[in-house]
Protein backbone atom coordinates (compact mmCIF):
# COMPACT_ATOMS: atom_id res chain seq x y z
CA MET A 1 -88.67 107.22 76.55
CA SER A 2 -89.47 109.39 79.39
CA GLY A 3 -92.62 109.59 81.01
CA GLY A 4 -95.15 110.03 86.21
CA GLN A 5 -101.27 109.40 88.62
CA ASP A 6 -99.84 110.27 92.12
CA GLY A 7 -96.07 110.60 91.49
CA GLY A 8 -95.53 108.07 94.40
CA PRO A 9 -92.43 105.78 94.60
CA PRO A 10 -92.50 102.88 92.41
CA GLY A 11 -94.00 99.54 93.69
CA PRO A 12 -92.16 96.37 93.82
CA GLU A 13 -90.80 94.64 90.66
CA LEU A 14 -93.53 93.07 88.55
CA ASP A 15 -93.26 90.03 86.43
CA PRO A 16 -92.67 90.66 82.90
CA LEU A 17 -95.03 91.69 80.40
CA GLY A 18 -97.52 92.98 83.11
CA PRO A 19 -100.78 91.52 84.44
CA GLU A 20 -102.77 91.13 81.10
CA GLY A 21 -101.70 87.67 80.26
CA GLU A 22 -99.99 86.67 77.11
CA GLN A 23 -98.69 89.88 75.58
CA GLY A 24 -97.09 88.42 72.30
CA SER A 25 -93.72 87.93 71.15
CA LEU A 26 -91.41 90.92 71.40
CA PHE A 27 -90.14 92.40 68.17
CA ASP A 28 -92.48 90.26 66.08
CA ASP A 29 -92.50 91.47 62.45
CA GLN A 30 -95.27 89.16 61.64
CA VAL A 31 -97.91 90.23 64.46
CA PHE A 32 -100.71 90.23 62.38
CA GLY A 33 -99.17 89.19 58.87
CA ASP A 34 -100.39 91.09 56.04
CA ALA A 35 -103.93 91.79 57.58
CA VAL A 36 -103.31 94.49 60.07
CA PRO A 37 -106.75 95.36 61.78
CA GLY A 38 -107.86 98.93 61.91
CA MET A 39 -106.17 100.20 58.73
CA ASP A 40 -109.42 101.91 57.78
CA GLU A 41 -109.07 104.89 59.77
CA VAL A 42 -112.77 106.14 58.87
CA VAL A 43 -114.34 103.16 60.87
CA GLY A 44 -114.61 103.27 64.49
CA TYR A 45 -116.04 102.24 67.85
CA ARG A 46 -118.61 104.20 70.18
CA GLY A 47 -117.40 104.97 73.67
CA PRO A 48 -119.35 102.19 75.39
CA ALA A 49 -117.94 99.67 73.28
CA ALA A 50 -114.27 100.98 73.54
CA CYS A 51 -114.75 100.45 77.03
CA GLN A 52 -115.78 96.73 76.86
CA ILE A 53 -113.30 96.03 74.35
CA VAL A 54 -110.37 97.56 76.30
CA GLY A 55 -111.36 96.62 79.63
CA ILE A 56 -112.08 99.82 81.25
CA THR A 57 -114.87 102.14 82.74
CA TYR A 58 -116.46 104.76 80.98
CA ARG A 59 -115.51 107.26 83.66
CA GLN A 60 -111.99 106.59 82.88
CA LEU A 61 -112.66 106.83 79.01
CA ASP A 62 -114.39 110.10 79.42
CA TYR A 63 -111.81 111.51 81.71
CA TRP A 64 -108.89 110.73 79.29
CA ALA A 65 -110.91 112.07 76.46
CA ARG A 66 -111.40 115.29 78.50
CA THR A 67 -107.95 115.74 79.46
CA LYS A 68 -106.62 114.85 76.16
CA LEU A 69 -104.43 111.78 77.23
CA VAL A 70 -106.34 109.83 74.45
CA VAL A 71 -108.65 111.50 72.27
CA PRO A 72 -110.88 109.80 69.65
CA SER A 73 -109.15 110.38 66.21
CA ILE A 74 -112.15 109.59 64.12
CA ARG A 75 -114.69 111.58 65.80
CA THR A 76 -114.85 113.72 68.90
CA ALA A 77 -118.03 114.35 70.72
CA THR A 78 -119.01 117.86 69.94
CA GLY A 79 -122.29 118.40 71.85
CA SER A 80 -125.49 116.61 72.91
CA GLY A 81 -126.08 113.52 70.67
CA SER A 82 -122.79 113.46 69.19
CA GLN A 83 -120.71 110.06 69.53
CA ARG A 84 -117.14 109.60 69.88
CA LEU A 85 -115.73 107.17 67.62
CA TYR A 86 -112.46 105.43 68.43
CA SER A 87 -110.41 103.66 65.66
CA PHE A 88 -108.28 100.61 66.02
CA LYS A 89 -105.08 102.32 66.93
CA ASP A 90 -107.06 104.42 69.41
CA LEU A 91 -108.19 101.28 71.28
CA ALA A 92 -104.75 99.92 71.03
CA VAL A 93 -103.32 102.90 72.74
CA LEU A 94 -106.12 102.72 75.30
CA LYS A 95 -105.34 99.12 76.01
CA VAL A 96 -101.53 100.24 76.64
CA VAL A 97 -102.66 102.87 79.06
CA LYS A 98 -104.91 100.59 80.79
CA ASN A 99 -102.04 98.03 81.17
CA LEU A 100 -99.30 100.70 82.02
CA LEU A 101 -101.78 102.13 84.87
CA ASP A 102 -102.43 98.41 86.01
CA THR A 103 -98.72 98.10 86.68
CA GLY A 104 -98.26 101.45 88.59
CA VAL A 105 -96.84 103.85 86.20
CA SER A 106 -98.38 107.33 86.74
CA LEU A 107 -100.60 109.17 84.36
CA ASN A 108 -98.04 111.80 83.84
CA ASN A 109 -95.42 109.30 82.58
CA ILE A 110 -98.18 107.56 80.70
CA ARG A 111 -98.95 110.87 78.93
CA VAL A 112 -95.37 111.01 77.87
CA ALA A 113 -95.67 107.44 76.33
CA VAL A 114 -98.78 108.06 74.42
CA GLU A 115 -97.40 111.26 73.04
CA GLN A 116 -94.61 108.84 71.40
CA LEU A 117 -96.93 106.25 70.39
CA ARG A 118 -99.23 108.39 68.52
CA ARG A 119 -96.31 109.23 66.38
CA HIS A 120 -96.37 105.71 64.91
CA GLY A 121 -98.45 104.05 62.19
CA VAL A 122 -100.48 100.69 63.39
CA ARG A 123 -98.04 98.33 61.69
CA ASP A 124 -94.92 100.25 63.49
CA LEU A 125 -96.79 100.08 66.88
CA ALA A 126 -97.19 96.18 66.60
CA ARG A 127 -93.34 96.11 66.69
CA ILE A 128 -92.79 98.56 69.96
CA THR A 129 -92.32 97.22 73.26
CA LEU A 130 -92.56 99.57 76.18
CA PHE A 131 -90.55 98.96 79.20
CA SER A 132 -90.90 100.71 82.80
CA ASP A 133 -89.29 100.91 86.15
CA GLY A 134 -92.38 102.45 87.45
CA VAL A 135 -90.95 105.51 87.13
CA THR A 136 -90.00 105.97 83.86
CA VAL A 137 -91.34 104.51 80.46
CA TYR A 138 -89.00 103.51 77.66
CA GLU A 139 -89.76 102.56 74.02
CA CYS A 140 -87.72 99.94 72.72
CA THR A 141 -88.06 98.45 69.03
CA SER A 142 -85.16 95.90 68.82
CA PRO A 143 -83.31 93.36 71.10
CA GLU A 144 -80.39 95.66 71.22
CA GLU A 145 -82.20 98.53 72.93
CA VAL A 146 -83.49 95.85 75.37
CA VAL A 147 -80.11 94.84 76.33
CA ASP A 148 -78.81 98.36 76.78
CA LEU A 149 -81.87 99.07 79.36
CA LEU A 150 -81.38 95.80 81.46
CA GLN A 151 -77.52 96.50 81.74
CA GLY A 152 -78.75 99.36 83.86
CA GLY A 153 -79.44 96.85 86.68
CA GLN A 154 -83.03 98.26 87.53
CA GLY A 155 -85.89 96.01 87.65
CA VAL A 156 -88.09 96.62 84.67
CA PHE A 157 -91.18 95.06 83.21
CA GLY A 158 -92.30 95.23 79.55
CA ILE A 159 -95.88 95.61 77.55
CA ALA A 160 -95.45 94.42 73.95
CA VAL A 161 -98.04 96.80 72.07
CA GLY A 162 -98.36 94.36 69.60
CA GLY A 163 -99.64 91.70 72.08
CA ALA A 164 -102.21 94.16 73.09
CA MET A 165 -103.20 94.65 69.57
CA ARG A 166 -103.56 91.17 69.16
CA GLU A 167 -105.82 90.91 72.05
CA ILE A 168 -107.98 93.39 70.97
CA SER A 169 -108.40 92.24 67.43
CA GLY A 170 -109.72 88.97 69.24
CA THR A 171 -112.69 90.71 70.70
CA ILE A 172 -113.46 93.58 68.27
CA SER A 173 -115.42 91.69 65.98
CA ARG A 174 -118.23 91.39 68.71
CA PHE A 175 -118.85 94.88 68.50
CA PRO A 176 -120.50 96.88 65.98
CA ALA A 177 -118.47 99.30 64.01
CA GLU A 178 -119.48 102.65 62.53
CA ARG A 179 -118.42 105.08 59.82
CA ALA A 180 -117.28 108.57 60.62
CA ASP A 181 -120.21 110.05 58.53
CA ALA A 182 -123.05 107.63 59.71
CA ALA A 183 -125.85 109.24 61.61
CA VAL A 184 -126.35 109.11 65.27
CA VAL A 185 -128.88 106.28 65.84
CA ASP A 186 -129.04 106.50 69.63
CA HIS A 187 -128.22 108.10 72.91
CA ALA A 188 -125.17 106.47 74.33
CA PRO A 189 -123.96 106.68 78.19
CA GLU A 190 -120.94 108.88 77.39
CA ASP A 191 -123.33 111.39 76.16
CA GLU A 192 -125.64 111.28 79.22
CA LEU A 193 -122.62 112.28 81.35
CA ALA A 194 -121.96 115.12 78.77
CA SER A 195 -125.66 116.40 78.95
CA ARG A 196 -125.46 116.11 83.01
CA ARG A 197 -122.49 118.49 82.96
CA ALA A 198 -124.14 121.11 80.20
CA ARG A 199 -127.26 120.96 82.24
CA GLY A 200 -125.41 121.73 85.60
CA ALA A 201 -123.52 124.61 83.79
CA ARG A 202 -126.83 125.98 82.55
CA SER A 203 -128.44 125.99 86.05
CA ALA A 204 -125.29 127.50 87.76
CA GLY A 205 -125.65 130.53 85.23
């Protein structure tokens, strides 16, 4: 899978599987067994919870949503008082984006990788490992593909998507979930930023 924040030269070779600790076994068909979390795509998590689950700032989440890098699939923010809702799959993609950024991959290349990940279901995502040499991102789903990649001789690091999903599933139960048709019950920080932008636009007009 081809994929490039500032487009600078790649950094030094990094340890396999990136900085996020244990990433899980490569190509493990039983990452979650029969109980894959997040199959109910009408239940999601608000922006502040998504940030804590994934380990990113709200500004990152907001920027990625506004630039359509990772858009919440359950509900987008459509105005003052509305709340973004991120599915489990969205959270998994957000975690992969964070891991790739942490290892020095540019946003341009990450965007290409995300487009490919969106095409997969939750179970398929659990079987994917992303490899990168710091410039290009490759999607591998079998040991044979990894061998072919490594034969190229360049230093690469890998991120097992299933490992990222397992990490999320270990913390997600501590946060409240919400159905897509639920009423808004409070004013979240993400909407405060949107409100500030709206007030600024009205003042400028």
